[in-house]
């Protein structure tokens, strides 16, 4: 009579050594990342609200003569189009809404910057964790929190950190979310549209997102999942194009209101003077006031 074969070591129910789970040691990382972001936000909130009472003579000058007056007008229900010559209303509108909580516009801008820094840091961690693993994602978070440019934009009022946060949030929703539902696609697209309404170079998100959804999605991963269900839809080309259409719809929801307003005030939904910034760099910079406000500027817009 032969003996029944024994269970292999490491098999379920066996007394042999179990194979270690390589991900088991990374379970603490998300909590550590969240703690690091929270400590960072609390520290810089204290520093900003106790020591940074006036804007500096750098990017914050733009707040005093452009974003602040634009937000003040929006609070009163008016679009002062002269303050939207280079950017849309994405940032001033959020500052105006935050100021309704009882803050003056400068303090509201500081709060937006602080919240944006925390959101950007968390989204960067989520994105890098999805692409590189939890440990490298956490290390990248620490590098970001120690970056001097990131630090200064955490407490300075301006569009830089807000645009960075909205852009990263759109990308993270698209690439770092396991269940890519229709709602996730719509939210990612909306944030992409709001990034465009904040800074026009946010337009890059639209073709990049379509490329990620239609052409670069890993084989076998569903392009979209049924809303309210974990059931994956087919990853066929038609499903991918539907997902791309949903993302585009969200983008238009975020961007179209500003384009309509800009069109109503200027006659062109894309009116802006960002071409002067490019021309200023191309022509070797020089006297800023003369180039931007002189009558002999050597560049013109194609729009």
Protein backbone atom coordinates (compact mmCIF):
# COMPACT_ATOMS: atom_id res chain seq x y z
CA UNK A 1 0.00 0.00 0.00
CA UNK A 2 1.49 3.31 -1.06
CA UNK A 3 1.43 6.42 1.09
CA UNK A 4 -0.50 9.42 -0.21
CA UNK A 5 1.78 12.15 -1.45
CA UNK A 6 2.47 14.84 1.14
CA UNK A 7 1.73 18.50 0.64
CA UNK A 8 4.49 20.62 -0.77
CA UNK A 9 6.19 23.07 1.49
CA UNK A 10 4.53 26.45 1.31
CA UNK A 11 1.22 25.01 0.05
CA UNK A 12 -1.98 26.01 1.88
CA UNK A 13 -2.47 23.87 4.95
CA UNK A 14 1.11 22.59 5.02
CA UNK A 15 3.43 23.04 7.96
CA UNK A 16 6.34 24.01 5.75
CA UNK A 17 7.77 27.52 5.38
CA UNK A 18 5.46 30.01 3.68
CA UNK A 19 6.67 32.14 0.80
CA UNK A 20 6.90 35.76 1.98
CA UNK A 21 4.65 38.32 0.36
CA UNK A 22 6.91 40.98 -1.18
CA UNK A 23 4.19 43.60 -0.69
CA UNK A 24 3.59 42.83 2.98
CA UNK A 25 6.36 45.14 4.16
CA UNK A 26 4.86 48.07 2.23
CA UNK A 27 1.51 48.18 3.99
CA UNK A 28 2.70 50.96 6.29
CA UNK A 29 3.79 53.21 3.42
CA UNK A 30 0.43 54.88 2.57
CA UNK A 31 -0.11 55.79 6.22
CA UNK A 32 3.42 57.17 6.46
CA UNK A 33 2.90 59.17 3.28
CA UNK A 34 -0.37 60.59 4.56
CA UNK A 35 1.30 61.50 7.84
CA UNK A 36 4.18 63.22 6.05
CA UNK A 37 1.77 65.27 3.93
CA UNK A 38 -0.30 66.22 7.00
CA UNK A 39 2.77 67.31 9.00
CA UNK A 40 4.06 69.28 6.03
CA UNK A 41 0.73 71.05 5.61
CA UNK A 42 0.36 71.88 9.31
CA UNK A 43 3.92 73.21 9.60
CA UNK A 44 3.67 75.46 6.56
CA UNK A 45 0.17 76.62 7.50
CA UNK A 46 1.60 77.85 10.81
CA UNK A 47 4.58 79.51 9.11
CA UNK A 48 2.49 81.13 6.38
CA UNK A 49 -0.28 82.50 8.57
CA UNK A 50 2.04 83.78 11.30
CA UNK A 51 4.97 85.15 9.27
CA UNK A 52 3.94 85.70 5.65
CA UNK A 53 1.61 88.67 5.89
CA UNK A 54 2.52 90.48 2.65
CA UNK A 55 3.37 89.26 -0.80
CA UNK A 56 6.98 89.33 -1.97
CA UNK A 57 8.49 91.11 -4.94
CA UNK A 58 8.41 88.06 -7.17
CA UNK A 59 5.49 85.98 -8.43
CA UNK A 60 3.18 87.41 -5.76
CA UNK A 61 3.18 90.81 -7.48
CA UNK A 62 0.90 89.17 -10.06
CA UNK A 63 -1.63 88.54 -7.31
CA UNK A 64 -1.84 92.21 -6.37
CA UNK A 65 -2.36 93.60 -9.85
CA UNK A 66 -4.06 90.67 -11.60
CA UNK A 67 -5.39 87.65 -9.69
CA UNK A 68 -6.57 89.54 -6.60
CA UNK A 69 -8.58 92.16 -8.53
CA UNK A 70 -9.95 89.40 -10.77
CA UNK A 71 -11.11 87.44 -7.71
CA UNK A 72 -12.61 90.60 -6.17
CA UNK A 73 -14.63 91.17 -9.32
CA UNK A 74 -15.83 87.57 -9.40
CA UNK A 75 -17.00 87.88 -5.79
CA UNK A 76 -19.27 90.67 -6.97
CA UNK A 77 -20.46 88.67 -9.97
CA UNK A 78 -18.39 90.65 -12.49
CA UNK A 79 -15.73 89.46 -14.94
CA UNK A 80 -13.05 92.17 -15.20
CA UNK A 81 -11.69 90.90 -18.48
CA UNK A 82 -8.61 93.15 -18.36
CA UNK A 83 -7.28 90.94 -15.56
CA UNK A 84 -7.63 87.76 -17.64
CA UNK A 85 -5.25 88.69 -20.43
CA UNK A 86 -2.99 85.65 -20.00
CA UNK A 87 -4.96 83.11 -17.94
CA UNK A 88 -8.52 81.96 -17.44
CA UNK A 89 -10.65 82.16 -14.32
CA UNK A 90 -9.70 78.77 -12.87
CA UNK A 91 -7.56 80.20 -10.07
CA UNK A 92 -9.28 83.54 -9.27
CA UNK A 93 -12.67 81.85 -9.09
CA UNK A 94 -11.44 79.34 -6.49
CA UNK A 95 -9.78 82.14 -4.47
CA UNK A 96 -13.04 84.10 -4.56
CA UNK A 97 -15.02 81.07 -3.35
CA UNK A 98 -12.57 80.37 -0.50
CA UNK A 99 -12.73 84.01 0.60
CA UNK A 100 -16.44 83.52 1.37
CA UNK A 101 -15.28 81.44 4.35
CA UNK A 102 -14.24 84.70 6.03
CA UNK A 103 -10.74 85.23 4.64
CA UNK A 104 -9.45 88.28 2.83
CA UNK A 105 -8.29 87.55 -0.70
CA UNK A 106 -4.60 87.26 0.18
CA UNK A 107 -5.29 84.81 3.01
CA UNK A 108 -7.66 82.90 0.75
CA UNK A 109 -4.84 82.66 -1.80
CA UNK A 110 -2.52 81.32 0.89
CA UNK A 111 -5.06 78.70 1.91
CA UNK A 112 -5.49 77.65 -1.72
CA UNK A 113 -1.71 77.32 -2.08
CA UNK A 114 -1.38 75.24 1.10
CA UNK A 115 -4.25 72.93 0.20
CA UNK A 116 -2.91 72.61 -3.35
CA UNK A 117 0.53 71.63 -2.07
CA UNK A 118 -0.95 68.86 0.07
CA UNK A 119 -3.14 67.61 -2.78
CA UNK A 120 -0.23 67.71 -5.23
CA UNK A 121 2.05 65.84 -2.83
CA UNK A 122 -0.53 63.11 -2.19
CA UNK A 123 -1.34 62.72 -5.88
CA UNK A 124 2.37 62.51 -6.71
CA UNK A 125 2.72 59.71 -4.16
CA UNK A 126 -0.32 57.85 -5.50
CA UNK A 127 0.90 58.17 -9.08
CA UNK A 128 4.46 57.08 -8.36
CA UNK A 129 3.25 54.23 -6.14
CA UNK A 130 1.13 52.93 -9.01
CA UNK A 131 4.04 53.18 -11.45
CA UNK A 132 7.07 52.37 -9.27
CA UNK A 133 5.81 50.70 -6.10
CA UNK A 134 5.06 52.00 -2.62
CA UNK A 135 8.65 52.39 -1.39
CA UNK A 136 9.85 54.40 -4.36
CA UNK A 137 6.61 56.35 -4.31
CA UNK A 138 7.27 57.33 -0.70
CA UNK A 139 10.87 58.32 -1.45
CA UNK A 140 9.69 60.46 -4.36
CA UNK A 141 7.22 62.14 -1.99
CA UNK A 142 10.03 63.03 0.42
CA UNK A 143 12.09 64.45 -2.45
CA UNK A 144 9.14 66.56 -3.56
CA UNK A 145 8.45 67.90 -0.07
CA UNK A 146 12.09 68.96 0.21
CA UNK A 147 12.27 70.64 -3.18
CA UNK A 148 13.00 74.40 -2.76
CA UNK A 149 10.66 75.44 -5.57
CA UNK A 150 7.85 73.32 -4.14
CA UNK A 151 8.49 74.81 -0.70
CA UNK A 152 8.30 78.42 -1.85
CA UNK A 153 5.13 77.85 -3.85
CA UNK A 154 3.51 76.24 -0.81
CA UNK A 155 3.16 79.58 0.98
CA UNK A 156 3.27 82.04 -1.94
CA UNK A 157 0.01 83.10 -3.55
CA UNK A 158 -0.17 82.44 -7.26
CA UNK A 159 -1.33 80.01 -9.89
CA UNK A 160 1.75 77.77 -9.84
CA UNK A 161 0.89 75.35 -7.04
CA UNK A 162 -2.83 75.35 -7.81
CA UNK A 163 -2.21 74.48 -11.46
CA UNK A 164 0.29 71.78 -10.43
CA UNK A 165 -2.22 70.22 -8.03
CA UNK A 166 -5.14 70.22 -10.47
CA UNK A 167 -2.95 68.79 -13.23
CA UNK A 168 -1.54 66.03 -11.03
CA UNK A 169 -4.99 65.18 -9.69
CA UNK A 170 -6.29 64.74 -13.23
CA UNK A 171 -3.36 62.49 -14.16
CA UNK A 172 -3.53 60.47 -10.93
CA UNK A 173 -7.23 59.79 -11.35
CA UNK A 174 -6.58 58.52 -14.85
CA UNK A 175 -3.46 56.43 -14.23
CA UNK A 176 -3.44 55.53 -10.54
CA UNK A 177 -7.06 54.45 -10.04
CA UNK A 178 -7.69 50.71 -10.14
CA UNK A 179 -11.39 50.89 -10.99
CA UNK A 180 -11.61 53.36 -13.84
CA UNK A 181 -15.34 54.00 -13.72
CA UNK A 182 -17.19 56.49 -15.86
CA UNK A 183 -17.30 58.84 -12.88
CA UNK A 184 -13.52 58.64 -12.47
CA UNK A 185 -13.02 59.40 -16.16
CA UNK A 186 -15.44 62.31 -15.97
CA UNK A 187 -13.73 63.73 -12.85
CA UNK A 188 -10.28 63.38 -14.41
CA UNK A 189 -11.49 65.15 -17.54
CA UNK A 190 -13.14 67.92 -15.53
CA UNK A 191 -9.92 68.58 -13.63
CA UNK A 192 -8.07 68.64 -16.94
CA UNK A 193 -10.52 71.23 -18.24
CA UNK A 194 -10.15 73.28 -15.06
CA UNK A 195 -6.37 73.14 -15.44
CA UNK A 196 -6.82 74.57 -18.95
CA UNK A 197 -9.08 77.31 -17.55
CA UNK A 198 -6.30 78.08 -15.06
CA UNK A 199 -3.37 78.09 -17.45
CA UNK A 200 -3.80 77.56 -21.15
CA UNK A 201 -0.84 75.19 -21.38
CA UNK A 202 -3.07 72.76 -19.49
CA UNK A 203 -4.39 71.88 -22.93
CA UNK A 204 -1.64 69.25 -23.12
CA UNK A 205 -3.73 67.06 -20.81
CA UNK A 206 -6.37 66.46 -23.47
CA UNK A 207 -4.24 64.75 -26.17
CA UNK A 208 -2.14 63.06 -23.48
CA UNK A 209 -5.22 61.58 -21.81
CA UNK A 210 -6.65 60.38 -25.13
CA UNK A 211 -3.33 58.73 -25.94
CA UNK A 212 -3.22 57.05 -22.54
CA UNK A 213 -6.79 55.76 -22.84
CA UNK A 214 -6.84 54.69 -26.48
CA UNK A 215 -3.29 53.66 -27.35
CA UNK A 216 -1.15 53.14 -24.26
CA UNK A 217 -3.46 51.35 -21.85
CA UNK A 218 -1.83 48.02 -20.89
CA UNK A 219 -3.21 45.02 -22.75
CA UNK A 220 -5.99 43.30 -20.88
CA UNK A 221 -6.83 46.24 -18.62
CA UNK A 222 -10.40 47.40 -19.19
CA UNK A 223 -10.66 50.94 -20.48
CA UNK A 224 -13.66 51.59 -18.25
CA UNK A 225 -15.68 49.69 -15.67
CA UNK A 226 -19.42 49.71 -15.27
CA UNK A 227 -20.61 52.44 -12.92
CA UNK A 228 -21.39 51.12 -9.46
CA UNK A 229 -19.97 47.72 -10.32
CA UNK A 230 -16.64 45.97 -10.44
CA UNK A 231 -17.62 44.27 -13.68
CA UNK A 232 -15.11 45.24 -16.37
CA UNK A 233 -16.32 46.21 -19.78
CA UNK A 234 -14.55 44.90 -22.83
CA UNK A 235 -11.18 46.52 -23.54
CA UNK A 236 -12.07 46.62 -27.22
CA UNK A 237 -11.23 49.71 -29.31
CA UNK A 238 -14.86 50.84 -29.18
CA UNK A 239 -14.81 50.76 -25.36
CA UNK A 240 -11.56 52.72 -25.31
CA UNK A 241 -13.01 55.38 -27.59
CA UNK A 242 -16.10 55.61 -25.39
CA UNK A 243 -13.83 56.12 -22.39
CA UNK A 244 -11.95 58.82 -24.30
CA UNK A 245 -15.26 60.50 -25.14
CA UNK A 246 -16.28 60.48 -21.46
CA UNK A 247 -12.95 62.07 -20.49
CA UNK A 248 -13.36 64.69 -23.23
CA UNK A 249 -16.86 65.45 -21.99
CA UNK A 250 -15.49 66.12 -18.52
CA UNK A 251 -12.78 68.34 -20.01
CA UNK A 252 -15.39 70.42 -21.82
CA UNK A 253 -17.48 70.77 -18.66
CA UNK A 254 -14.45 72.25 -16.91
CA UNK A 255 -13.18 74.44 -19.75
CA UNK A 256 -16.23 75.51 -21.78
CA UNK A 257 -17.73 78.01 -19.29
CA UNK A 258 -14.57 80.11 -19.35
CA UNK A 259 -14.27 79.86 -23.13
CA UNK A 260 -17.84 81.14 -23.48
CA UNK A 261 -17.17 84.03 -21.08
CA UNK A 262 -13.93 84.94 -22.86
CA UNK A 263 -15.72 84.82 -26.21
CA UNK A 264 -18.52 87.06 -24.94
CA UNK A 265 -16.05 89.70 -23.71
CA UNK A 266 -13.41 89.61 -26.44
CA UNK A 267 -15.03 88.03 -29.50
CA UNK A 268 -12.63 85.06 -29.41
CA UNK A 269 -12.77 82.17 -26.89
CA UNK A 270 -8.97 81.81 -27.03
CA UNK A 271 -8.01 85.47 -26.62
CA UNK A 272 -4.84 85.78 -24.52
CA UNK A 273 -1.41 87.36 -24.74
CA UNK A 274 0.75 84.38 -23.81
CA UNK A 275 2.46 84.66 -27.17
CA UNK A 276 4.25 87.71 -25.76
CA UNK A 277 5.93 85.56 -23.10
CA UNK A 278 7.28 83.28 -25.82
CA UNK A 279 8.34 86.24 -27.92
CA UNK A 280 10.07 87.86 -24.94
CA UNK A 281 12.23 84.75 -24.52
CA UNK A 282 12.84 84.30 -28.26
CA UNK A 283 13.98 87.90 -28.71
CA UNK A 284 16.47 87.71 -25.85
CA UNK A 285 14.33 89.32 -23.15
CA UNK A 286 15.65 92.81 -22.38
CA UNK A 287 13.43 95.63 -21.09
CA UNK A 288 10.24 93.95 -19.87
CA UNK A 289 8.03 97.05 -19.76
CA UNK A 290 9.09 98.24 -23.21
CA UNK A 291 8.53 94.82 -24.78
CA UNK A 292 5.12 94.17 -23.26
CA UNK A 293 3.69 97.66 -23.33
CA UNK A 294 5.67 99.45 -26.04
CA UNK A 295 4.14 100.13 -29.42
CA UNK A 296 6.91 98.48 -31.45
CA UNK A 297 6.58 94.91 -30.18
CA UNK A 298 7.97 92.63 -32.93
CA UNK A 299 5.59 89.69 -32.37
CA UNK A 300 1.91 89.18 -33.15
CA UNK A 301 -0.61 86.50 -32.28
CA UNK A 302 -1.74 83.86 -34.78
CA UNK A 303 -5.16 83.69 -33.07
